[in-house]
Protein backbone atom coordinates (compact mmCIF):
# COMPACT_ATOMS: atom_id res chain seq x y z
CA MET A 1 87.92 52.93 42.77
CA GLU A 2 88.09 51.28 46.20
CA ILE A 3 85.75 53.91 47.59
CA PHE A 4 83.10 53.34 44.94
CA GLN A 5 83.38 49.56 44.99
CA SER A 6 82.93 49.33 48.74
CA GLU A 7 79.79 47.41 49.59
CA SER A 8 79.83 48.51 53.22
CA SER A 9 79.24 52.20 52.45
CA THR A 10 76.09 53.96 51.37
CA PRO A 11 76.14 56.09 48.20
CA THR A 12 76.25 59.22 50.36
CA GLU A 13 79.20 57.90 52.39
CA LYS A 14 80.99 57.01 49.14
CA PHE A 15 80.42 60.54 47.84
CA TRP A 16 81.86 62.19 50.96
CA LYS A 17 84.83 59.81 51.14
CA ALA A 18 85.61 60.45 47.48
CA SER A 19 85.25 64.18 48.00
CA GLU A 20 87.69 64.11 50.94
CA ARG A 21 90.16 62.02 48.94
CA MET A 22 90.01 64.40 45.98
CA GLU A 23 90.74 67.31 48.31
CA GLU A 24 93.75 65.42 49.73
CA ILE A 25 95.04 64.74 46.22
CA GLY A 26 94.41 68.36 45.26
CA SER A 27 96.51 69.52 48.20
CA ILE A 28 99.33 67.20 47.17
CA LEU A 29 99.21 68.41 43.57
CA ARG A 30 99.18 72.07 44.64
CA ALA A 31 102.24 71.43 46.79
CA CYS A 32 104.02 69.71 43.91
CA PHE A 33 103.26 72.33 41.27
CA ASP A 34 103.12 75.50 43.33
CA ASP A 35 106.74 76.53 42.80
CA HIS A 36 108.05 76.72 39.24
CA ARG A 37 111.62 77.76 40.02
CA ARG A 38 114.36 75.60 38.61
CA SER A 39 116.08 75.61 42.00
CA THR A 40 113.15 73.71 43.56
CA MET A 41 112.57 71.26 40.70
CA ILE A 42 114.16 68.27 42.46
CA HIS A 43 112.06 68.90 45.57
CA SER A 44 108.86 69.07 43.47
CA LEU A 45 109.78 65.90 41.59
CA ARG A 46 110.58 64.14 44.87
CA LEU A 47 107.12 65.07 46.21
CA MET A 48 105.50 63.73 43.05
CA TYR A 49 107.55 60.54 43.24
CA ASN A 50 106.76 59.99 46.93
CA HIS A 51 103.05 60.41 46.23
CA GLN A 52 103.26 58.06 43.24
CA ILE A 53 102.30 60.76 40.74
CA ILE A 54 105.41 59.86 38.74
CA THR A 55 107.08 56.45 38.58
CA ASP A 56 110.56 55.05 38.03
CA GLU A 57 109.67 54.69 34.37
CA ASP A 58 108.87 58.42 34.20
CA LEU A 59 112.35 59.17 35.53
CA ASP A 60 114.14 57.21 32.79
CA GLY A 61 114.82 60.41 30.82
CA PHE A 62 116.60 62.05 33.76
CA SER A 63 120.29 61.75 34.57
CA GLU A 64 121.35 59.09 37.06
CA GLU A 65 122.24 61.84 39.55
CA ALA A 66 118.78 63.40 39.28
CA GLN A 67 117.11 59.99 39.59
CA GLU A 68 119.08 59.27 42.77
CA ARG A 69 118.18 62.65 44.28
CA ILE A 70 114.51 62.20 43.44
CA THR A 71 114.19 58.63 44.73
CA LEU A 72 115.99 59.16 48.07
């Protein structure tokens, strides 16, 4: 929303900034969801947590041990 609400950018600049940001987010999501093995689940969840895709509230259903490993 910040990109589109900026008054200092032209519509074209807003478009390209938003496009770049969507590509960045796409790369993050691909990295988080690329590996479906159970052995890499904590790593994937940690990536999602670090990039604020999931929150502390989302982790409430996990064991305390898993929550600690994810939020390191």
